[in-house]
N, C-alpha and C. Protein backbone atom coordinates (compact mmCIF):
# COMPACT_ATOMS: atom_id res chain seq x y z
N MET A 1 62.66 144.07 149.38
CA MET A 1 62.01 145.33 149.01
C MET A 1 62.65 146.46 149.80
N VAL A 2 63.18 147.46 149.11
CA VAL A 2 63.75 148.63 149.75
C VAL A 2 62.65 149.65 149.99
N ILE A 3 62.39 149.98 151.25
CA ILE A 3 61.33 150.91 151.59
C ILE A 3 61.91 152.32 151.60
N LYS A 4 61.51 153.13 150.63
CA LYS A 4 62.02 154.50 150.52
C LYS A 4 61.06 155.52 151.13
N ASN A 5 59.79 155.26 151.00
CA ASN A 5 58.80 156.23 151.49
C ASN A 5 57.51 155.51 151.87
N VAL A 6 56.98 155.84 153.04
CA VAL A 6 55.71 155.27 153.50
C VAL A 6 54.86 156.40 154.05
N GLU A 7 53.58 156.37 153.71
CA GLU A 7 52.69 157.44 154.16
C GLU A 7 51.29 156.90 154.40
N LEU A 8 50.71 157.27 155.54
CA LEU A 8 49.28 157.00 155.76
C LEU A 8 48.53 158.04 154.94
N GLU A 9 48.00 157.61 153.81
CA GLU A 9 47.46 158.55 152.84
C GLU A 9 45.96 158.80 153.01
N THR A 10 45.20 157.74 153.32
CA THR A 10 43.73 157.87 153.37
C THR A 10 43.17 157.06 154.53
N VAL A 11 42.23 157.64 155.25
CA VAL A 11 41.50 156.95 156.31
C VAL A 11 40.02 157.05 155.99
N CYS A 12 39.36 155.89 155.89
CA CYS A 12 37.96 155.87 155.48
C CYS A 12 37.09 155.25 156.59
N GLY A 13 36.05 155.98 156.97
CA GLY A 13 35.08 155.48 157.93
C GLY A 13 33.89 154.87 157.22
N ILE A 14 32.87 154.57 158.00
CA ILE A 14 31.71 153.86 157.49
C ILE A 14 31.00 154.62 156.37
N THR A 15 30.96 155.95 156.48
CA THR A 15 30.24 156.74 155.47
C THR A 15 31.16 157.34 154.41
N SER A 16 32.46 157.01 154.46
CA SER A 16 33.42 157.61 153.53
C SER A 16 33.30 157.02 152.13
N THR A 17 33.70 157.81 151.16
CA THR A 17 33.86 157.32 149.79
C THR A 17 35.25 156.72 149.66
N LEU A 18 35.32 155.48 149.23
CA LEU A 18 36.62 154.82 149.12
C LEU A 18 37.40 155.40 147.94
N PRO A 19 38.71 155.56 148.10
CA PRO A 19 39.52 156.18 147.05
C PRO A 19 39.70 155.25 145.84
N GLU A 20 39.93 155.86 144.69
CA GLU A 20 40.27 155.10 143.48
C GLU A 20 41.76 155.28 143.25
N ASN A 21 42.55 154.36 143.78
CA ASN A 21 44.00 154.46 143.72
C ASN A 21 44.54 153.96 142.39
N GLN A 22 45.73 154.45 142.04
CA GLN A 22 46.33 154.05 140.78
C GLN A 22 47.33 152.91 140.94
N PHE A 23 47.69 152.60 142.18
CA PHE A 23 48.64 151.51 142.42
C PHE A 23 47.90 150.31 142.99
N PRO A 24 48.46 149.10 142.82
CA PRO A 24 47.81 147.90 143.36
C PRO A 24 47.67 147.95 144.87
N GLU A 25 46.64 147.28 145.36
CA GLU A 25 46.34 147.26 146.79
C GLU A 25 46.47 145.85 147.35
N VAL A 26 47.02 145.78 148.56
CA VAL A 26 47.14 144.54 149.31
C VAL A 26 46.39 144.74 150.62
N ALA A 27 45.38 143.93 150.89
CA ALA A 27 44.54 144.11 152.07
C ALA A 27 44.94 143.15 153.19
N PHE A 28 44.79 143.63 154.43
CA PHE A 28 45.11 142.84 155.61
C PHE A 28 43.85 142.72 156.48
N ALA A 29 43.37 141.49 156.65
CA ALA A 29 42.17 141.24 157.44
C ALA A 29 42.53 140.33 158.61
N GLY A 30 41.76 140.43 159.68
CA GLY A 30 42.00 139.56 160.83
C GLY A 30 41.19 140.04 162.02
N LYS A 31 41.03 139.17 163.00
CA LYS A 31 40.26 139.55 164.17
C LYS A 31 41.04 140.58 165.00
N SER A 32 40.35 141.24 165.88
CA SER A 32 40.95 142.27 166.71
C SER A 32 42.10 141.70 167.53
N ASN A 33 43.20 142.43 167.56
CA ASN A 33 44.37 142.08 168.38
C ASN A 33 45.14 140.87 167.87
N VAL A 34 44.98 140.52 166.58
CA VAL A 34 45.72 139.39 166.03
C VAL A 34 47.12 139.79 165.57
N GLY A 35 47.37 141.10 165.45
CA GLY A 35 48.70 141.56 165.08
C GLY A 35 48.81 142.18 163.70
N LYS A 36 47.71 142.72 163.18
CA LYS A 36 47.75 143.34 161.85
C LYS A 36 48.69 144.54 161.82
N SER A 37 48.55 145.43 162.79
CA SER A 37 49.39 146.63 162.81
C SER A 37 50.87 146.27 162.98
N SER A 38 51.15 145.28 163.82
CA SER A 38 52.53 144.85 164.02
C SER A 38 53.12 144.27 162.73
N LEU A 39 52.33 143.52 162.00
CA LEU A 39 52.79 142.96 160.72
C LEU A 39 53.06 144.07 159.72
N ILE A 40 52.13 145.02 159.60
CA ILE A 40 52.29 146.11 158.65
C ILE A 40 53.53 146.93 158.99
N ASN A 41 53.73 147.23 160.26
CA ASN A 41 54.92 147.97 160.68
C ASN A 41 56.20 147.21 160.32
N ALA A 42 56.19 145.90 160.54
CA ALA A 42 57.37 145.08 160.24
C ALA A 42 57.66 145.07 158.74
N LEU A 43 56.63 144.97 157.93
CA LEU A 43 56.82 144.96 156.48
C LEU A 43 57.37 146.30 155.99
N MET A 44 56.96 147.39 156.64
CA MET A 44 57.37 148.73 156.21
C MET A 44 58.65 149.21 156.91
N ASN A 45 59.21 148.36 157.77
CA ASN A 45 60.39 148.75 158.54
C ASN A 45 60.14 150.00 159.37
N ARG A 46 58.96 150.09 159.93
CA ARG A 46 58.61 151.20 160.79
C ARG A 46 58.18 150.65 162.15
N LYS A 47 58.36 151.44 163.19
CA LYS A 47 58.01 150.97 164.52
C LYS A 47 56.56 151.25 164.90
N SER A 48 56.03 152.37 164.45
CA SER A 48 54.70 152.73 164.95
C SER A 48 53.87 153.53 163.95
N LEU A 49 54.11 153.34 162.65
CA LEU A 49 53.28 154.05 161.68
C LEU A 49 51.85 153.52 161.75
N ALA A 50 51.73 152.20 161.69
CA ALA A 50 50.43 151.58 161.93
C ALA A 50 50.29 151.42 163.44
N ARG A 51 49.26 151.99 164.00
CA ARG A 51 49.13 152.03 165.46
C ARG A 51 48.76 150.67 166.03
N THR A 52 49.56 150.24 166.99
CA THR A 52 49.25 149.00 167.70
C THR A 52 48.62 149.36 169.03
N SER A 53 47.79 148.46 169.52
CA SER A 53 47.09 148.76 170.76
C SER A 53 46.80 147.48 171.52
N SER A 54 46.83 147.56 172.86
CA SER A 54 46.45 146.42 173.68
C SER A 54 44.93 146.33 173.82
N GLN A 55 44.25 147.34 173.31
CA GLN A 55 42.78 147.37 173.38
C GLN A 55 42.19 146.87 172.07
N PRO A 56 41.62 145.67 172.04
CA PRO A 56 41.02 145.14 170.82
C PRO A 56 39.92 146.06 170.31
N GLY A 57 39.69 146.01 169.01
CA GLY A 57 38.62 146.81 168.42
C GLY A 57 39.03 148.25 168.17
N LYS A 58 40.33 148.55 168.26
CA LYS A 58 40.79 149.93 168.13
C LYS A 58 40.62 150.44 166.70
N THR A 59 40.97 149.60 165.71
CA THR A 59 40.88 150.02 164.32
C THR A 59 39.43 149.96 163.85
N GLN A 60 38.84 151.12 163.60
CA GLN A 60 37.45 151.19 163.19
C GLN A 60 37.31 151.78 161.78
N THR A 61 38.42 151.92 161.11
CA THR A 61 38.43 152.52 159.78
C THR A 61 39.25 151.65 158.84
N ILE A 62 39.15 151.94 157.55
CA ILE A 62 40.05 151.35 156.57
C ILE A 62 41.19 152.34 156.36
N ASN A 63 42.40 151.91 156.62
CA ASN A 63 43.57 152.78 156.53
C ASN A 63 44.43 152.38 155.33
N TYR A 64 44.71 153.36 154.48
CA TYR A 64 45.51 153.13 153.27
C TYR A 64 46.93 153.68 153.47
N TYR A 65 47.91 152.78 153.43
CA TYR A 65 49.31 153.19 153.54
C TYR A 65 49.97 153.04 152.16
N ARG A 66 50.48 154.15 151.63
CA ARG A 66 51.19 154.08 150.35
C ARG A 66 52.66 153.78 150.60
N VAL A 67 53.14 152.71 149.99
CA VAL A 67 54.52 152.26 150.15
C VAL A 67 55.27 152.53 148.85
N ASN A 68 56.28 153.42 148.93
CA ASN A 68 57.00 153.89 147.75
C ASN A 68 55.97 154.42 146.73
N GLN A 69 56.21 154.16 145.48
CA GLN A 69 55.22 154.45 144.44
C GLN A 69 54.82 153.11 143.80
N ASP A 70 54.65 152.09 144.66
CA ASP A 70 54.47 150.73 144.17
C ASP A 70 53.15 150.09 144.58
N VAL A 71 52.73 150.31 145.82
CA VAL A 71 51.64 149.51 146.35
C VAL A 71 51.00 150.21 147.55
N TYR A 72 49.73 149.90 147.78
CA TYR A 72 49.04 150.35 148.98
C TYR A 72 48.82 149.16 149.90
N PHE A 73 49.13 149.34 151.19
CA PHE A 73 48.73 148.40 152.22
C PHE A 73 47.40 148.91 152.78
N VAL A 74 46.39 148.06 152.78
CA VAL A 74 45.06 148.45 153.22
C VAL A 74 44.71 147.67 154.49
N ASP A 75 44.68 148.38 155.62
CA ASP A 75 44.41 147.79 156.92
C ASP A 75 42.91 147.84 157.18
N LEU A 76 42.28 146.67 157.20
CA LEU A 76 40.83 146.58 157.38
C LEU A 76 40.48 146.49 158.87
N PRO A 77 39.27 146.93 159.26
CA PRO A 77 38.87 146.86 160.67
C PRO A 77 38.92 145.43 161.19
N GLY A 78 39.35 145.26 162.44
CA GLY A 78 39.35 143.94 163.06
C GLY A 78 37.93 143.47 163.33
N TYR A 79 37.75 142.17 163.32
CA TYR A 79 36.42 141.62 163.56
C TYR A 79 36.43 140.76 164.82
N GLY A 80 35.23 140.46 165.32
CA GLY A 80 35.09 139.48 166.38
C GLY A 80 35.31 139.99 167.79
N TYR A 81 35.38 141.32 167.98
CA TYR A 81 35.58 141.83 169.33
C TYR A 81 34.24 141.90 170.06
N ALA A 82 34.09 141.07 171.09
CA ALA A 82 32.78 140.87 171.71
C ALA A 82 32.24 142.11 172.40
N LYS A 83 33.12 143.01 172.89
CA LYS A 83 32.65 144.15 173.66
C LYS A 83 32.12 145.28 172.79
N VAL A 84 32.30 145.15 171.48
CA VAL A 84 31.72 146.12 170.55
C VAL A 84 30.28 145.69 170.27
N SER A 85 29.39 146.64 170.19
CA SER A 85 27.98 146.32 169.99
C SER A 85 27.75 145.60 168.67
N VAL A 86 26.67 144.84 168.62
CA VAL A 86 26.31 144.12 167.40
C VAL A 86 26.12 145.10 166.25
N GLU A 87 25.53 146.25 166.54
CA GLU A 87 25.30 147.26 165.50
C GLU A 87 26.60 147.76 164.91
N ILE A 88 27.58 148.05 165.76
CA ILE A 88 28.88 148.54 165.27
C ILE A 88 29.59 147.46 164.48
N ARG A 89 29.56 146.22 165.00
CA ARG A 89 30.21 145.13 164.27
C ARG A 89 29.58 144.93 162.89
N ALA A 90 28.28 145.10 162.80
CA ALA A 90 27.59 144.97 161.52
C ALA A 90 28.05 146.06 160.55
N LYS A 91 28.24 147.27 161.07
CA LYS A 91 28.71 148.38 160.23
C LYS A 91 30.12 148.13 159.73
N TRP A 92 30.98 147.58 160.61
CA TRP A 92 32.34 147.26 160.18
C TRP A 92 32.31 146.21 159.07
N GLY A 93 31.41 145.21 159.24
CA GLY A 93 31.29 144.17 158.23
C GLY A 93 30.88 144.74 156.89
N LYS A 94 29.94 145.69 156.92
CA LYS A 94 29.49 146.32 155.67
C LYS A 94 30.61 147.15 155.04
N LEU A 95 31.44 147.76 155.89
CA LEU A 95 32.56 148.56 155.38
C LEU A 95 33.57 147.66 154.66
N ILE A 96 33.88 146.52 155.26
CA ILE A 96 34.80 145.57 154.63
C ILE A 96 34.20 145.03 153.33
N GLU A 97 32.91 144.69 153.38
CA GLU A 97 32.23 144.17 152.19
C GLU A 97 32.24 145.21 151.06
N LYS A 98 31.99 146.45 151.42
CA LYS A 98 32.02 147.53 150.44
C LYS A 98 33.38 147.62 149.77
N TYR A 99 34.43 147.49 150.59
CA TYR A 99 35.78 147.56 150.03
C TYR A 99 36.05 146.40 149.06
N LEU A 100 35.73 145.18 149.49
CA LEU A 100 35.99 144.01 148.65
C LEU A 100 35.22 144.08 147.34
N HIS A 101 34.03 144.66 147.38
CA HIS A 101 33.18 144.70 146.19
C HIS A 101 33.54 145.84 145.24
N THR A 102 34.13 146.92 145.76
CA THR A 102 34.30 148.10 144.93
C THR A 102 35.75 148.43 144.55
N SER A 103 36.73 147.89 145.27
CA SER A 103 38.11 148.22 144.95
C SER A 103 38.49 147.65 143.58
N LYS A 104 39.01 148.51 142.73
CA LYS A 104 39.44 148.08 141.40
C LYS A 104 40.92 147.69 141.39
N GLN A 105 41.63 147.99 142.46
CA GLN A 105 43.07 147.73 142.50
C GLN A 105 43.46 146.62 143.47
N LEU A 106 42.50 146.02 144.14
CA LEU A 106 42.83 144.97 145.11
C LEU A 106 43.38 143.74 144.38
N ARG A 107 44.59 143.36 144.74
CA ARG A 107 45.26 142.24 144.08
C ARG A 107 45.48 141.05 145.01
N LEU A 108 45.52 141.32 146.32
CA LEU A 108 45.92 140.26 147.24
C LEU A 108 45.30 140.53 148.61
N VAL A 109 44.77 139.47 149.24
CA VAL A 109 44.20 139.60 150.58
C VAL A 109 44.95 138.66 151.52
N PHE A 110 45.48 139.23 152.60
CA PHE A 110 46.09 138.43 153.66
C PHE A 110 45.09 138.30 154.81
N LEU A 111 44.88 137.09 155.27
CA LEU A 111 44.04 136.85 156.45
C LEU A 111 44.96 136.41 157.58
N LEU A 112 44.97 137.19 158.67
CA LEU A 112 45.85 136.91 159.79
C LEU A 112 45.12 136.08 160.85
N LEU A 113 45.80 135.03 161.30
CA LEU A 113 45.28 134.16 162.35
C LEU A 113 46.36 133.96 163.40
N ASP A 114 45.96 133.76 164.64
CA ASP A 114 46.90 133.50 165.74
C ASP A 114 47.32 132.03 165.67
N ILE A 115 48.61 131.79 165.45
CA ILE A 115 49.09 130.41 165.26
C ILE A 115 48.90 129.55 166.50
N ARG A 116 48.73 130.17 167.65
CA ARG A 116 48.62 129.42 168.91
C ARG A 116 47.28 128.71 169.06
N HIS A 117 46.28 129.15 168.31
CA HIS A 117 44.92 128.66 168.55
C HIS A 117 44.28 128.11 167.28
N LYS A 118 43.35 127.23 167.47
CA LYS A 118 42.51 126.78 166.36
C LYS A 118 41.70 127.97 165.86
N PRO A 119 41.58 128.15 164.54
CA PRO A 119 40.77 129.26 164.02
C PRO A 119 39.37 129.25 164.61
N SER A 120 38.91 130.43 165.02
CA SER A 120 37.58 130.56 165.61
C SER A 120 36.51 130.47 164.53
N ASP A 121 35.26 130.42 164.97
CA ASP A 121 34.15 130.43 164.01
C ASP A 121 34.18 131.71 163.18
N ASN A 122 34.52 132.83 163.81
CA ASN A 122 34.62 134.09 163.07
C ASN A 122 35.73 134.04 162.02
N ASP A 123 36.86 133.43 162.38
CA ASP A 123 37.96 133.28 161.42
C ASP A 123 37.52 132.46 160.21
N THR A 124 36.83 131.35 160.50
CA THR A 124 36.38 130.47 159.43
C THR A 124 35.37 131.17 158.54
N LEU A 125 34.44 131.88 159.16
CA LEU A 125 33.45 132.64 158.38
C LEU A 125 34.13 133.68 157.50
N MET A 126 35.12 134.39 158.06
CA MET A 126 35.82 135.42 157.29
C MET A 126 36.58 134.81 156.12
N TYR A 127 37.25 133.69 156.35
CA TYR A 127 37.98 133.04 155.27
C TYR A 127 37.05 132.69 154.11
N HIS A 128 35.95 132.01 154.42
CA HIS A 128 35.03 131.58 153.36
C HIS A 128 34.31 132.78 152.74
N TRP A 129 34.08 133.81 153.51
CA TRP A 129 33.44 135.01 152.99
C TRP A 129 34.35 135.71 151.98
N ILE A 130 35.64 135.78 152.28
CA ILE A 130 36.60 136.37 151.34
C ILE A 130 36.65 135.56 150.05
N VAL A 131 36.65 134.23 150.20
CA VAL A 131 36.65 133.35 149.02
C VAL A 131 35.40 133.58 148.18
N GLU A 132 34.25 133.68 148.85
CA GLU A 132 32.99 133.89 148.14
C GLU A 132 32.96 135.24 147.42
N ASN A 133 33.78 136.20 147.89
CA ASN A 133 33.87 137.50 147.24
C ASN A 133 34.87 137.50 146.08
N GLY A 134 35.42 136.33 145.76
CA GLY A 134 36.25 136.21 144.57
C GLY A 134 37.74 136.26 144.80
N TYR A 135 38.19 136.17 146.06
CA TYR A 135 39.62 136.24 146.35
C TYR A 135 40.08 134.96 147.04
N ASN A 136 41.35 134.62 146.83
CA ASN A 136 41.95 133.48 147.49
C ASN A 136 42.93 134.00 148.54
N PRO A 137 42.48 134.16 149.78
CA PRO A 137 43.34 134.79 150.78
C PRO A 137 44.55 133.93 151.13
N ILE A 138 45.66 134.62 151.37
CA ILE A 138 46.87 133.97 151.88
C ILE A 138 46.85 134.11 153.40
N ILE A 139 47.13 133.02 154.10
CA ILE A 139 47.04 133.01 155.56
C ILE A 139 48.38 133.39 156.17
N ILE A 140 48.35 134.37 157.08
CA ILE A 140 49.52 134.72 157.87
C ILE A 140 49.26 134.24 159.30
N ALA A 141 50.07 133.29 159.77
CA ALA A 141 49.91 132.75 161.12
C ALA A 141 50.82 133.54 162.06
N THR A 142 50.22 134.48 162.78
CA THR A 142 51.00 135.43 163.60
C THR A 142 51.38 134.84 164.96
N LYS A 143 52.22 135.61 165.66
CA LYS A 143 52.67 135.29 167.02
C LYS A 143 53.48 134.00 167.05
N LEU A 144 54.27 133.80 166.01
CA LEU A 144 55.09 132.59 165.88
C LEU A 144 56.04 132.41 167.06
N ASP A 145 56.56 133.52 167.59
CA ASP A 145 57.52 133.43 168.69
C ASP A 145 56.89 132.96 170.00
N LYS A 146 55.57 132.83 170.03
CA LYS A 146 54.87 132.42 171.25
C LYS A 146 54.77 130.89 171.39
N ILE A 147 55.19 130.15 170.36
CA ILE A 147 55.12 128.69 170.44
C ILE A 147 56.50 128.09 170.16
N LYS A 148 56.66 126.82 170.51
CA LYS A 148 57.91 126.12 170.26
C LYS A 148 58.01 125.75 168.78
N ARG A 149 59.25 125.67 168.31
CA ARG A 149 59.46 125.32 166.90
C ARG A 149 58.84 123.97 166.56
N SER A 150 58.87 123.04 167.51
CA SER A 150 58.32 121.70 167.27
C SER A 150 56.80 121.71 167.10
N GLN A 151 56.14 122.81 167.49
CA GLN A 151 54.68 122.90 167.40
C GLN A 151 54.18 123.53 166.11
N VAL A 152 55.10 124.12 165.34
CA VAL A 152 54.69 124.94 164.19
C VAL A 152 53.91 124.13 163.17
N LYS A 153 54.45 122.98 162.74
CA LYS A 153 53.78 122.19 161.72
C LYS A 153 52.39 121.74 162.18
N LYS A 154 52.29 121.32 163.43
CA LYS A 154 51.00 120.88 163.97
C LYS A 154 49.98 122.00 163.91
N GLN A 155 50.38 123.21 164.28
CA GLN A 155 49.46 124.34 164.29
C GLN A 155 49.09 124.78 162.87
N VAL A 156 50.04 124.75 161.96
CA VAL A 156 49.75 125.09 160.56
C VAL A 156 48.77 124.08 159.98
N ASP A 157 48.99 122.80 160.27
CA ASP A 157 48.07 121.76 159.79
C ASP A 157 46.67 121.96 160.38
N LEU A 158 46.60 122.39 161.64
CA LEU A 158 45.31 122.64 162.29
C LEU A 158 44.56 123.78 161.59
N ILE A 159 45.29 124.83 161.25
CA ILE A 159 44.68 125.95 160.52
C ILE A 159 44.14 125.49 159.17
N ARG A 160 44.97 124.74 158.45
CA ARG A 160 44.55 124.29 157.11
C ARG A 160 43.33 123.38 157.19
N THR A 161 43.33 122.46 158.16
CA THR A 161 42.21 121.52 158.31
C THR A 161 40.93 122.24 158.71
N THR A 162 41.05 123.18 159.66
CA THR A 162 39.86 123.89 160.16
C THR A 162 39.23 124.75 159.07
N LEU A 163 40.07 125.46 158.32
CA LEU A 163 39.55 126.34 157.26
C LEU A 163 39.20 125.58 155.99
N GLU A 164 39.69 124.33 155.89
CA GLU A 164 39.48 123.52 154.69
C GLU A 164 40.07 124.19 153.46
N THR A 165 41.29 124.71 153.63
CA THR A 165 41.97 125.33 152.50
C THR A 165 42.56 124.25 151.60
N GLY A 166 42.77 124.61 150.35
CA GLY A 166 43.50 123.72 149.47
C GLY A 166 44.99 123.74 149.79
N LYS A 167 45.71 122.73 149.34
CA LYS A 167 47.14 122.67 149.61
C LYS A 167 47.89 123.80 148.93
N GLU A 168 47.27 124.38 147.89
CA GLU A 168 47.92 125.46 147.16
C GLU A 168 47.85 126.80 147.90
N THR A 169 47.03 126.89 148.95
CA THR A 169 46.92 128.13 149.72
C THR A 169 48.11 128.28 150.65
N PRO A 170 48.95 129.32 150.48
CA PRO A 170 50.09 129.49 151.37
C PRO A 170 49.65 129.83 152.79
N ILE A 171 50.33 129.26 153.77
CA ILE A 171 50.18 129.63 155.17
C ILE A 171 51.58 130.00 155.67
N VAL A 172 51.76 131.27 156.00
CA VAL A 172 53.08 131.78 156.34
C VAL A 172 53.16 132.07 157.83
N PRO A 173 53.92 131.29 158.61
CA PRO A 173 54.13 131.63 160.02
C PRO A 173 54.94 132.93 160.12
N PHE A 174 54.53 133.82 161.03
CA PHE A 174 55.19 135.12 161.12
C PHE A 174 55.34 135.55 162.58
N SER A 175 56.48 136.18 162.86
CA SER A 175 56.74 136.77 164.18
C SER A 175 57.12 138.23 164.01
N SER A 176 56.37 139.12 164.66
CA SER A 176 56.72 140.54 164.62
C SER A 176 57.96 140.81 165.46
N LEU A 177 58.30 139.88 166.36
CA LEU A 177 59.47 140.04 167.22
C LEU A 177 60.76 139.70 166.48
N THR A 178 60.79 138.53 165.84
CA THR A 178 62.00 138.09 165.14
C THR A 178 61.99 138.45 163.66
N LYS A 179 60.83 138.85 163.14
CA LYS A 179 60.61 139.17 161.73
C LYS A 179 60.66 137.94 160.83
N GLN A 180 60.63 136.75 161.43
CA GLN A 180 60.58 135.53 160.61
C GLN A 180 59.30 135.53 159.79
N GLY A 181 59.42 135.25 158.51
CA GLY A 181 58.29 135.25 157.60
C GLY A 181 58.17 136.53 156.79
N ARG A 182 58.88 137.59 157.19
CA ARG A 182 58.76 138.89 156.52
C ARG A 182 59.15 138.80 155.05
N GLU A 183 60.28 138.19 154.75
CA GLU A 183 60.74 138.14 153.36
C GLU A 183 59.81 137.30 152.50
N GLU A 184 59.29 136.23 153.06
CA GLU A 184 58.36 135.39 152.30
C GLU A 184 57.08 136.16 151.96
N ILE A 185 56.61 136.96 152.91
CA ILE A 185 55.41 137.76 152.67
C ILE A 185 55.68 138.81 151.60
N TRP A 186 56.85 139.46 151.66
CA TRP A 186 57.20 140.44 150.64
C TRP A 186 57.31 139.79 149.26
N ASP A 187 57.85 138.57 149.20
CA ASP A 187 57.94 137.86 147.92
C ASP A 187 56.55 137.66 147.32
N LEU A 188 55.58 137.33 148.17
CA LEU A 188 54.20 137.13 147.70
C LEU A 188 53.61 138.45 147.20
N ILE A 189 53.87 139.54 147.93
CA ILE A 189 53.36 140.85 147.52
C ILE A 189 53.96 141.26 146.18
N GLU A 190 55.24 141.06 146.03
CA GLU A 190 55.89 141.45 144.77
C GLU A 190 55.41 140.59 143.61
N THR A 191 55.21 139.29 143.87
CA THR A 191 54.80 138.38 142.81
C THR A 191 53.37 138.63 142.35
N TYR A 192 52.45 138.79 143.30
CA TYR A 192 51.02 138.83 142.97
C TYR A 192 50.42 140.23 142.90
N ALA A 193 51.19 141.24 143.28
CA ALA A 193 50.66 142.61 143.24
C ALA A 193 51.57 143.53 142.44
N ILE A 194 52.78 143.76 142.91
CA ILE A 194 53.64 144.77 142.30
C ILE A 194 54.13 144.33 140.92
N ASN A 195 54.84 143.20 140.86
CA ASN A 195 55.39 142.75 139.58
C ASN A 195 54.31 142.28 138.63
N TYR A 196 53.25 141.70 139.16
CA TYR A 196 52.13 141.26 138.33
C TYR A 196 51.54 142.45 137.58
N ASP A 197 51.32 143.54 138.31
CA ASP A 197 50.75 144.73 137.68
C ASP A 197 51.73 145.36 136.70
N ALA A 198 53.01 145.35 137.03
CA ALA A 198 54.00 145.91 136.12
C ALA A 198 54.01 145.15 134.80
N ASP A 199 53.94 143.81 134.88
CA ASP A 199 53.90 142.99 133.67
C ASP A 199 52.63 143.27 132.88
N PHE A 200 51.50 143.46 133.60
CA PHE A 200 50.22 143.71 132.94
C PHE A 200 50.27 145.03 132.16
N TYR A 201 50.75 146.09 132.82
CA TYR A 201 50.77 147.40 132.18
C TYR A 201 51.76 147.42 131.01
N GLU A 202 52.86 146.68 131.15
CA GLU A 202 53.83 146.60 130.06
C GLU A 202 53.21 145.93 128.85
N ALA A 203 52.45 144.86 129.11
CA ALA A 203 51.76 144.16 128.01
C ALA A 203 50.72 145.06 127.37
N GLU A 204 50.02 145.87 128.20
CA GLU A 204 49.01 146.77 127.68
C GLU A 204 49.64 147.81 126.76
N GLU A 205 50.78 148.35 127.18
CA GLU A 205 51.45 149.37 126.37
C GLU A 205 51.95 148.78 125.06
N GLU A 206 52.47 147.56 125.11
CA GLU A 206 52.96 146.93 123.88
C GLU A 206 51.81 146.68 122.92
N SER A 207 50.63 146.36 123.44
CA SER A 207 49.49 146.10 122.57
C SER A 207 49.00 147.35 121.88
N LYS A 208 49.34 148.53 122.45
CA LYS A 208 48.90 149.80 121.87
C LYS A 208 49.86 150.29 120.77
N GLU A 209 51.05 149.68 120.70
CA GLU A 209 52.02 150.12 119.70
C GLU A 209 51.54 149.77 118.30
N PRO A 210 51.68 150.70 117.34
CA PRO A 210 51.22 150.41 115.97
C PRO A 210 52.07 149.33 115.32
N ASP A 211 51.45 148.57 114.42
CA ASP A 211 52.19 147.56 113.70
C ASP A 211 53.22 148.22 112.79
N GLY A 212 54.32 147.50 112.53
CA GLY A 212 55.35 148.06 111.64
C GLY A 212 54.83 148.25 110.23
N LEU A 213 55.30 149.30 109.54
CA LEU A 213 54.84 149.57 108.19
C LEU A 213 55.49 148.60 107.21
N ASN A 214 54.71 148.15 106.27
CA ASN A 214 55.26 147.27 105.25
C ASN A 214 56.16 148.07 104.32
N GLU A 215 57.26 147.44 103.92
CA GLU A 215 58.16 148.13 102.99
C GLU A 215 57.53 148.20 101.62
N ALA A 216 57.75 149.33 100.94
CA ALA A 216 57.19 149.51 99.60
C ALA A 216 57.93 148.62 98.63
């Protein structure tokens, strides 16, 4: 994917009205400090458009990044940060739920997990909650450069077993340092969001064309 233009177009808080975008949306979910901003920056070939922070719980809004004239990357608030009050965490949960229930352009949900650790209870709850909302999330196993190559399969199997995902659910190991996994993630975005929508709209336009006139 050639990135020609990227823009942080919309920032929505708890009381904001979510935008009705015309391009397909790809959402990124994950616990605080799992590497969502680093992944988004890597996908967009930018260093700091999506703000990264050593302080978990920093992202408290839904951020919409328009990439070219093709797709929106939607950065959802991180979950599971213990130092945030229960009330605030509940509001973030409602914000995410509102987005999943109301977005008309959401085509793909990525759930980010730290490959070094067994998925937490919050991770497992989020995975099944996304599924219950009608989406089949693709798992991005971040911080790949933090483990040995010989450990990758074991950790991927641990994620799949803990979440009880089907074998058809992709789990993509990713490193923001080496960019390993970036092209595979872009292939998924193009297949299930960008090109899928292009094929859909093309079919819609063809269906609107009038039938050929019969010769007299």
